[in-house]
Amino acid sequence: MTFDLDRLDMAILQVLQVDNKTPQRTIAERVNLSAPAVQRRIKRMEASGVIQANVAQIDPAKVGRAITLFVEVEMESERAERFDAAKRSFADAPEVQQCYYVTGEADFILIVVVRAMADYEALTRKLFFENNNVKRFRTFVSMERVKVGLTVPLE
């Protein structure tokens, strides 16, 4: 579902995607609105789900989670309740940063961060080996973080 956004909303979002701590008066100056008008627009976009969260982007290596892995997961059965159970287990695992249900050979792509490979091995037992609906999984280990972000192109 899309939400009706005008050029001013898009300009506000562009500023917030770069730095969501930008003062509303600064945003107002950049988009030629009053600070209260900017505040109303931000609240409306938060209430409608356009703005999903205001979070800090943390460097995993600096908090002891230096290993990033990309995992393709192929499921055995395509029954909805089994897929929903897998989605819940992936979403509930704190090591799983992101989970995507995808087309192609794999059914899911996971982005995982861990302290050490032993932690990942334990996670594979819990998420994959103990789940009889996981047919196979394939892991790719990141050698370097080249670009990380969740900004959405708004042009």
N, C-alpha and C. Protein backbone atom coordinates (compact mmCIF):
# COMPACT_ATOMS: atom_id res chain seq x y z
N MET A 1 0.83 -1.17 0.00
CA MET A 1 0.00 0.00 0.00
C MET A 1 0.88 1.24 0.00
N THR A 2 0.62 2.15 -0.93
CA THR A 2 1.39 3.38 -0.97
C THR A 2 0.65 4.48 -0.24
N PHE A 3 1.41 5.45 0.19
CA PHE A 3 0.86 6.58 0.93
C PHE A 3 1.09 7.80 0.07
N ASP A 4 0.11 8.69 -0.01
CA ASP A 4 0.19 9.86 -0.86
C ASP A 4 1.18 10.87 -0.27
N LEU A 5 2.32 11.04 -0.94
CA LEU A 5 3.36 11.96 -0.48
C LEU A 5 3.56 13.04 -1.53
N ASP A 6 3.68 14.27 -1.08
CA ASP A 6 3.97 15.35 -2.02
C ASP A 6 5.46 15.64 -2.01
N ARG A 7 5.88 16.63 -2.80
CA ARG A 7 7.32 16.92 -2.93
C ARG A 7 7.92 17.38 -1.60
N LEU A 8 7.13 18.04 -0.76
CA LEU A 8 7.63 18.49 0.55
C LEU A 8 7.88 17.29 1.48
N ASP A 9 6.95 16.33 1.46
CA ASP A 9 7.16 15.11 2.25
C ASP A 9 8.43 14.40 1.80
N MET A 10 8.61 14.31 0.48
CA MET A 10 9.80 13.63 -0.06
C MET A 10 11.07 14.37 0.34
N ALA A 11 11.03 15.68 0.34
CA ALA A 11 12.20 16.47 0.74
C ALA A 11 12.51 16.25 2.22
N ILE A 12 11.48 16.20 3.04
CA ILE A 12 11.66 15.93 4.47
C ILE A 12 12.27 14.54 4.67
N LEU A 13 11.74 13.56 3.97
CA LEU A 13 12.27 12.19 4.07
C LEU A 13 13.72 12.11 3.64
N GLN A 14 14.07 12.85 2.60
CA GLN A 14 15.46 12.85 2.12
C GLN A 14 16.39 13.33 3.23
N VAL A 15 16.02 14.37 3.94
CA VAL A 15 16.84 14.89 5.05
C VAL A 15 16.91 13.86 6.17
N LEU A 16 15.77 13.30 6.54
CA LEU A 16 15.73 12.35 7.66
C LEU A 16 16.50 11.07 7.38
N GLN A 17 16.52 10.64 6.12
CA GLN A 17 17.28 9.42 5.78
C GLN A 17 18.77 9.60 5.99
N VAL A 18 19.26 10.82 5.78
CA VAL A 18 20.68 11.09 5.96
C VAL A 18 21.01 11.26 7.44
N ASP A 19 20.14 11.98 8.17
CA ASP A 19 20.36 12.20 9.60
C ASP A 19 19.02 12.48 10.26
N ASN A 20 18.47 11.47 10.95
CA ASN A 20 17.15 11.64 11.55
C ASN A 20 17.18 12.49 12.83
N LYS A 21 18.36 12.96 13.20
CA LYS A 21 18.45 13.87 14.35
C LYS A 21 18.50 15.34 13.90
N THR A 22 18.32 15.58 12.62
CA THR A 22 18.31 16.95 12.12
C THR A 22 17.15 17.70 12.79
N PRO A 23 17.44 18.85 13.40
CA PRO A 23 16.36 19.60 14.05
C PRO A 23 15.26 19.99 13.05
N GLN A 24 14.03 19.98 13.53
CA GLN A 24 12.91 20.29 12.64
C GLN A 24 13.00 21.70 12.08
N ARG A 25 13.58 22.65 12.83
CA ARG A 25 13.72 24.01 12.30
C ARG A 25 14.70 24.02 11.12
N THR A 26 15.73 23.16 11.16
CA THR A 26 16.69 23.07 10.06
C THR A 26 16.01 22.46 8.84
N ILE A 27 15.23 21.40 9.07
CA ILE A 27 14.48 20.79 7.97
C ILE A 27 13.53 21.82 7.37
N ALA A 28 12.86 22.57 8.23
CA ALA A 28 11.90 23.58 7.77
C ALA A 28 12.59 24.59 6.85
N GLU A 29 13.78 25.03 7.23
CA GLU A 29 14.52 25.98 6.39
C GLU A 29 14.87 25.37 5.04
N ARG A 30 15.27 24.10 5.04
CA ARG A 30 15.67 23.44 3.79
C ARG A 30 14.51 23.23 2.84
N VAL A 31 13.31 22.98 3.38
CA VAL A 31 12.16 22.66 2.52
C VAL A 31 11.15 23.81 2.41
N ASN A 32 11.50 24.94 3.02
CA ASN A 32 10.65 26.15 2.95
C ASN A 32 9.27 25.94 3.57
N LEU A 33 9.27 25.40 4.78
CA LEU A 33 8.05 25.25 5.57
C LEU A 33 8.32 25.79 6.97
N SER A 34 7.28 25.91 7.77
CA SER A 34 7.47 26.25 9.18
C SER A 34 7.84 24.98 9.94
N ALA A 35 8.50 25.14 11.09
CA ALA A 35 8.85 23.99 11.92
C ALA A 35 7.61 23.20 12.36
N PRO A 36 6.50 23.89 12.77
CA PRO A 36 5.30 23.12 13.13
C PRO A 36 4.72 22.31 11.95
N ALA A 37 4.81 22.86 10.75
CA ALA A 37 4.32 22.13 9.57
C ALA A 37 5.18 20.89 9.32
N VAL A 38 6.47 21.02 9.49
CA VAL A 38 7.37 19.87 9.35
C VAL A 38 7.04 18.82 10.40
N GLN A 39 6.82 19.27 11.64
CA GLN A 39 6.49 18.34 12.72
C GLN A 39 5.20 17.58 12.40
N ARG A 40 4.17 18.28 11.91
CA ARG A 40 2.90 17.62 11.56
C ARG A 40 3.11 16.58 10.45
N ARG A 41 3.89 16.94 9.46
CA ARG A 41 4.14 16.01 8.35
C ARG A 41 4.91 14.77 8.83
N ILE A 42 5.90 14.98 9.68
CA ILE A 42 6.66 13.84 10.21
C ILE A 42 5.76 12.94 11.04
N LYS A 43 4.95 13.51 11.90
CA LYS A 43 4.02 12.71 12.72
C LYS A 43 3.05 11.93 11.84
N ARG A 44 2.56 12.56 10.77
CA ARG A 44 1.64 11.88 9.86
C ARG A 44 2.35 10.71 9.16
N MET A 45 3.60 10.92 8.75
CA MET A 45 4.34 9.85 8.08
C MET A 45 4.71 8.73 9.05
N GLU A 46 4.93 9.06 10.31
CA GLU A 46 5.17 8.02 11.32
C GLU A 46 3.89 7.23 11.57
N ALA A 47 2.78 7.93 11.74
CA ALA A 47 1.50 7.27 12.02
C ALA A 47 1.06 6.37 10.87
N SER A 48 1.38 6.75 9.65
CA SER A 48 0.96 5.97 8.48
C SER A 48 1.92 4.84 8.16
N GLY A 49 3.09 4.80 8.84
CA GLY A 49 4.06 3.74 8.59
C GLY A 49 5.07 4.06 7.51
N VAL A 50 5.00 5.25 6.90
CA VAL A 50 6.03 5.63 5.92
C VAL A 50 7.38 5.66 6.63
N ILE A 51 7.42 6.31 7.79
CA ILE A 51 8.62 6.28 8.64
C ILE A 51 8.39 5.15 9.64
N GLN A 52 9.17 4.09 9.50
CA GLN A 52 8.96 2.90 10.32
C GLN A 52 9.66 2.94 11.66
N ALA A 53 10.80 3.63 11.73
CA ALA A 53 11.57 3.64 12.98
C ALA A 53 12.59 4.77 12.95
N ASN A 54 13.02 5.16 14.11
CA ASN A 54 14.12 6.11 14.27
C ASN A 54 15.18 5.38 15.07
N VAL A 55 16.22 4.92 14.37
CA VAL A 55 17.21 4.05 15.01
C VAL A 55 18.63 4.55 14.75
N ALA A 56 19.57 4.05 15.54
CA ALA A 56 20.99 4.32 15.33
C ALA A 56 21.59 3.20 14.50
N GLN A 57 22.42 3.54 13.54
CA GLN A 57 23.12 2.53 12.74
C GLN A 57 24.44 2.25 13.44
N ILE A 58 24.60 1.02 13.90
CA ILE A 58 25.76 0.63 14.72
C ILE A 58 26.73 -0.19 13.88
N ASP A 59 28.02 0.05 14.07
CA ASP A 59 29.04 -0.75 13.40
C ASP A 59 29.18 -2.06 14.16
N PRO A 60 28.77 -3.19 13.56
CA PRO A 60 28.80 -4.47 14.29
C PRO A 60 30.18 -4.84 14.82
N ALA A 61 31.23 -4.54 14.08
CA ALA A 61 32.58 -4.90 14.52
C ALA A 61 32.95 -4.18 15.81
N LYS A 62 32.47 -2.96 15.98
CA LYS A 62 32.82 -2.18 17.17
C LYS A 62 32.06 -2.62 18.41
N VAL A 63 31.07 -3.49 18.23
CA VAL A 63 30.35 -4.04 19.38
C VAL A 63 30.52 -5.57 19.43
N GLY A 64 31.61 -6.04 18.82
CA GLY A 64 31.96 -7.44 18.93
C GLY A 64 31.21 -8.39 18.01
N ARG A 65 30.59 -7.88 16.98
CA ARG A 65 29.88 -8.73 16.01
C ARG A 65 30.51 -8.54 14.63
N ALA A 66 31.77 -8.94 14.51
CA ALA A 66 32.56 -8.63 13.32
C ALA A 66 32.25 -9.50 12.11
N ILE A 67 31.54 -10.62 12.30
CA ILE A 67 31.30 -11.53 11.18
C ILE A 67 29.88 -11.33 10.65
N THR A 68 29.81 -10.98 9.37
CA THR A 68 28.53 -10.84 8.68
C THR A 68 28.42 -11.96 7.66
N LEU A 69 27.26 -12.63 7.68
CA LEU A 69 27.03 -13.76 6.78
C LEU A 69 25.74 -13.55 6.01
N PHE A 70 25.73 -14.05 4.79
CA PHE A 70 24.53 -14.05 3.96
C PHE A 70 24.16 -15.50 3.76
N VAL A 71 22.92 -15.83 4.05
CA VAL A 71 22.51 -17.23 4.05
C VAL A 71 21.31 -17.41 3.13
N GLU A 72 21.46 -18.31 2.17
CA GLU A 72 20.33 -18.72 1.33
C GLU A 72 19.70 -19.93 1.99
N VAL A 73 18.39 -19.91 2.15
CA VAL A 73 17.69 -21.03 2.79
C VAL A 73 16.64 -21.56 1.81
N GLU A 74 16.70 -22.85 1.56
CA GLU A 74 15.71 -23.50 0.70
C GLU A 74 14.84 -24.40 1.59
N MET A 75 13.54 -24.27 1.44
CA MET A 75 12.60 -25.01 2.27
C MET A 75 12.15 -26.28 1.56
N GLU A 76 11.75 -27.27 2.34
CA GLU A 76 11.27 -28.55 1.83
C GLU A 76 9.83 -28.42 1.33
N SER A 77 8.97 -27.91 2.18
CA SER A 77 7.54 -27.81 1.87
C SER A 77 7.17 -26.34 1.66
N GLU A 78 6.25 -26.10 0.74
CA GLU A 78 5.79 -24.74 0.47
C GLU A 78 4.46 -24.45 1.14
N ARG A 79 4.06 -25.28 2.10
CA ARG A 79 2.81 -25.03 2.81
C ARG A 79 2.92 -23.76 3.63
N ALA A 80 1.88 -22.95 3.59
CA ALA A 80 1.89 -21.61 4.20
C ALA A 80 2.25 -21.65 5.69
N GLU A 81 1.66 -22.58 6.43
CA GLU A 81 1.92 -22.60 7.87
C GLU A 81 3.38 -22.93 8.18
N ARG A 82 4.02 -23.74 7.33
CA ARG A 82 5.43 -24.07 7.55
C ARG A 82 6.34 -22.89 7.20
N PHE A 83 5.95 -22.17 6.16
CA PHE A 83 6.70 -20.97 5.80
C PHE A 83 6.54 -19.90 6.88
N ASP A 84 5.33 -19.74 7.38
CA ASP A 84 5.07 -18.76 8.44
C ASP A 84 5.88 -19.09 9.69
N ALA A 85 5.98 -20.37 10.02
CA ALA A 85 6.78 -20.78 11.18
C ALA A 85 8.25 -20.44 10.96
N ALA A 86 8.75 -20.67 9.75
CA ALA A 86 10.14 -20.32 9.44
C ALA A 86 10.35 -18.81 9.54
N LYS A 87 9.43 -18.05 8.99
CA LYS A 87 9.53 -16.59 9.07
C LYS A 87 9.61 -16.13 10.52
N ARG A 88 8.76 -16.71 11.37
CA ARG A 88 8.78 -16.34 12.79
C ARG A 88 10.11 -16.69 13.44
N SER A 89 10.63 -17.88 13.15
CA SER A 89 11.90 -18.28 13.78
C SER A 89 13.04 -17.39 13.31
N PHE A 90 13.06 -17.01 12.04
CA PHE A 90 14.10 -16.12 11.54
C PHE A 90 13.95 -14.73 12.17
N ALA A 91 12.73 -14.24 12.23
CA ALA A 91 12.48 -12.90 12.79
C ALA A 91 12.81 -12.85 14.29
N ASP A 92 12.63 -13.95 14.99
CA ASP A 92 12.88 -13.98 16.44
C ASP A 92 14.36 -14.12 16.80
N ALA A 93 15.20 -14.51 15.85
CA ALA A 93 16.63 -14.70 16.14
C ALA A 93 17.34 -13.34 16.12
N PRO A 94 17.89 -12.89 17.24
CA PRO A 94 18.53 -11.58 17.26
C PRO A 94 19.74 -11.47 16.33
N GLU A 95 20.36 -12.59 16.01
CA GLU A 95 21.51 -12.57 15.09
C GLU A 95 21.10 -12.26 13.66
N VAL A 96 19.84 -12.50 13.33
CA VAL A 96 19.35 -12.24 11.97
C VAL A 96 18.97 -10.76 11.88
N GLN A 97 19.77 -10.01 11.15
CA GLN A 97 19.50 -8.58 10.97
C GLN A 97 18.36 -8.35 9.99
N GLN A 98 18.38 -9.10 8.91
CA GLN A 98 17.37 -8.95 7.87
C GLN A 98 17.00 -10.32 7.34
N CYS A 99 15.75 -10.43 6.90
CA CYS A 99 15.24 -11.68 6.32
C CYS A 99 14.34 -11.31 5.16
N TYR A 100 14.60 -11.92 4.02
CA TYR A 100 13.81 -11.67 2.83
C TYR A 100 13.26 -12.99 2.29
N TYR A 101 11.98 -13.00 1.98
CA TYR A 101 11.34 -14.12 1.28
C TYR A 101 11.50 -13.80 -0.19
N VAL A 102 12.17 -14.67 -0.95
CA VAL A 102 12.59 -14.34 -2.31
C VAL A 102 12.13 -15.38 -3.34
N THR A 103 12.26 -15.01 -4.59
CA THR A 103 12.01 -15.94 -5.69
C THR A 103 13.34 -16.57 -6.09
N GLY A 104 13.28 -17.62 -6.89
CA GLY A 104 14.49 -18.28 -7.36
C GLY A 104 14.70 -19.60 -6.64
N GLU A 105 15.94 -20.08 -6.65
CA GLU A 105 16.24 -21.37 -6.03
C GLU A 105 16.07 -21.34 -4.52
N ALA A 106 16.48 -20.25 -3.88
CA ALA A 106 16.33 -20.12 -2.43
C ALA A 106 14.94 -19.57 -2.13
N ASP A 107 14.47 -19.86 -0.93
CA ASP A 107 13.20 -19.30 -0.48
C ASP A 107 13.40 -18.07 0.39
N PHE A 108 14.51 -18.04 1.12
CA PHE A 108 14.82 -16.93 2.01
C PHE A 108 16.28 -16.54 1.85
N ILE A 109 16.54 -15.26 2.04
CA ILE A 109 17.91 -14.76 2.17
C ILE A 109 17.97 -14.09 3.54
N LEU A 110 18.94 -14.48 4.35
CA LEU A 110 19.13 -13.91 5.67
C LEU A 110 20.46 -13.15 5.72
N ILE A 111 20.47 -12.06 6.44
CA ILE A 111 21.72 -11.37 6.76
C ILE A 111 21.91 -11.54 8.26
N VAL A 112 23.04 -12.13 8.62
CA VAL A 112 23.30 -12.54 10.00
C VAL A 112 24.60 -11.90 10.48
N VAL A 113 24.61 -11.46 11.74
CA VAL A 113 25.86 -10.97 12.35
C VAL A 113 26.12 -11.78 13.63
N VAL A 114 27.39 -12.19 13.78
CA VAL A 114 27.79 -12.99 14.95
C VAL A 114 29.18 -12.57 15.41
N ARG A 115 29.50 -12.97 16.65
CA ARG A 115 30.84 -12.70 17.21
C ARG A 115 31.89 -13.62 16.56
N ALA A 116 31.55 -14.90 16.46
CA ALA A 116 32.51 -15.91 16.01
C ALA A 116 31.77 -16.99 15.23
N MET A 117 32.52 -17.75 14.48
CA MET A 117 31.90 -18.82 13.69
C MET A 117 31.24 -19.86 14.58
N ALA A 118 31.73 -20.05 15.78
CA ALA A 118 31.08 -20.99 16.71
C ALA A 118 29.66 -20.53 17.02
N ASP A 119 29.45 -19.22 17.11
CA ASP A 119 28.11 -18.69 17.35
C ASP A 119 27.21 -18.96 16.14
N TYR A 120 27.78 -18.83 14.95
CA TYR A 120 27.00 -19.11 13.75
C TYR A 120 26.65 -20.60 13.68
N GLU A 121 27.60 -21.44 14.04
CA GLU A 121 27.35 -22.89 14.03
C GLU A 121 26.19 -23.23 14.96
N ALA A 122 26.17 -22.61 16.13
CA ALA A 122 25.06 -22.83 17.08
C ALA A 122 23.74 -22.33 16.50
N LEU A 123 23.79 -21.21 15.82
CA LEU A 123 22.58 -20.66 15.18
C LEU A 123 22.08 -21.58 14.08
N THR A 124 22.98 -22.16 13.30
CA THR A 124 22.55 -23.07 12.23
C THR A 124 21.85 -24.30 12.81
N ARG A 125 22.31 -24.77 13.94
CA ARG A 125 21.64 -25.91 14.58
C ARG A 125 20.21 -25.54 14.95
N LYS A 126 20.06 -24.35 15.56
CA LYS A 126 18.75 -23.92 16.03
C LYS A 126 17.79 -23.61 14.87
N LEU A 127 18.28 -22.84 13.87
CA LEU A 127 17.39 -22.38 12.79
C LEU A 127 17.22 -23.38 11.65
N PHE A 128 18.25 -24.14 11.35
CA PHE A 128 18.21 -24.98 10.16
C PHE A 128 18.17 -26.47 10.45
N PHE A 129 19.12 -26.97 11.24
CA PHE A 129 19.18 -28.41 11.48
C PHE A 129 18.02 -28.92 12.32
N GLU A 130 17.51 -28.11 13.24
CA GLU A 130 16.38 -28.53 14.06
C GLU A 130 15.03 -28.27 13.39
N ASN A 131 15.06 -27.66 12.22
CA ASN A 131 13.83 -27.38 11.47
C ASN A 131 13.74 -28.38 10.32
N ASN A 132 12.84 -29.36 10.44
CA ASN A 132 12.77 -30.40 9.40
C ASN A 132 12.19 -29.89 8.09
N ASN A 133 11.80 -28.61 8.02
CA ASN A 133 11.33 -28.05 6.76
C ASN A 133 12.45 -27.36 5.99
N VAL A 134 13.64 -27.24 6.57
CA VAL A 134 14.76 -26.65 5.85
C VAL A 134 15.43 -27.77 5.03
N LYS A 135 15.37 -27.62 3.74
CA LYS A 135 15.96 -28.61 2.84
C LYS A 135 17.48 -28.46 2.79
N ARG A 136 17.92 -27.20 2.61
CA ARG A 136 19.35 -26.92 2.60
C ARG A 136 19.56 -25.43 2.81
N PHE A 137 20.77 -25.09 3.20
CA PHE A 137 21.14 -23.69 3.32
C PHE A 137 22.57 -23.53 2.83
N ARG A 138 22.86 -22.35 2.35
CA ARG A 138 24.19 -22.04 1.82
C ARG A 138 24.63 -20.70 2.40
N THR A 139 25.86 -20.66 2.89
CA THR A 139 26.36 -19.48 3.60
C THR A 139 27.47 -18.80 2.82
N PHE A 140 27.40 -17.47 2.79
CA PHE A 140 28.45 -16.65 2.21
C PHE A 140 28.96 -15.73 3.32
N VAL A 141 30.28 -15.70 3.52
CA VAL A 141 30.88 -14.88 4.57
C VAL A 141 31.36 -13.58 3.94
N SER A 142 30.97 -12.47 4.53
CA SER A 142 31.40 -11.16 4.04
C SER A 142 32.86 -10.93 4.39
N MET A 143 33.63 -10.50 3.42
CA MET A 143 35.03 -10.19 3.67
C MET A 143 35.21 -8.71 4.02
N GLU A 144 34.29 -7.85 3.53
CA GLU A 144 34.38 -6.43 3.79
C GLU A 144 33.01 -5.79 3.58
N ARG A 145 32.69 -4.86 4.45
CA ARG A 145 31.46 -4.07 4.30
C ARG A 145 31.78 -2.91 3.37
N VAL A 146 31.30 -2.99 2.15
CA VAL A 146 31.57 -1.95 1.17
C VAL A 146 30.53 -0.84 1.26
N LYS A 147 29.28 -1.21 1.37
CA LYS A 147 28.19 -0.25 1.52
C LYS A 147 27.11 -0.89 2.37
N VAL A 148 26.67 -0.17 3.38
CA VAL A 148 25.59 -0.65 4.24
C VAL A 148 24.63 0.51 4.44
N GLY A 149 23.37 0.26 4.26
CA GLY A 149 22.39 1.32 4.51
C GLY A 149 21.00 0.87 4.13
N LEU A 150 20.05 1.62 4.57
CA LEU A 150 18.66 1.31 4.25
C LEU A 150 17.96 2.51 3.61
N THR A 151 18.74 3.44 3.07
CA THR A 151 18.10 4.59 2.44
C THR A 151 17.37 4.15 1.17
N VAL A 152 16.28 4.83 0.90
CA VAL A 152 15.46 4.54 -0.28
C VAL A 152 15.63 5.70 -1.25
N PRO A 153 15.98 5.43 -2.52
CA PRO A 153 16.08 6.53 -3.49
C PRO A 153 14.73 7.22 -3.64
N LEU A 154 14.71 8.53 -3.47
CA LEU A 154 13.43 9.26 -3.49
C LEU A 154 13.29 10.18 -4.70
N GLU A 155 14.25 10.19 -5.59
CA GLU A 155 14.16 11.05 -6.77
C GLU A 155 13.09 10.57 -7.72
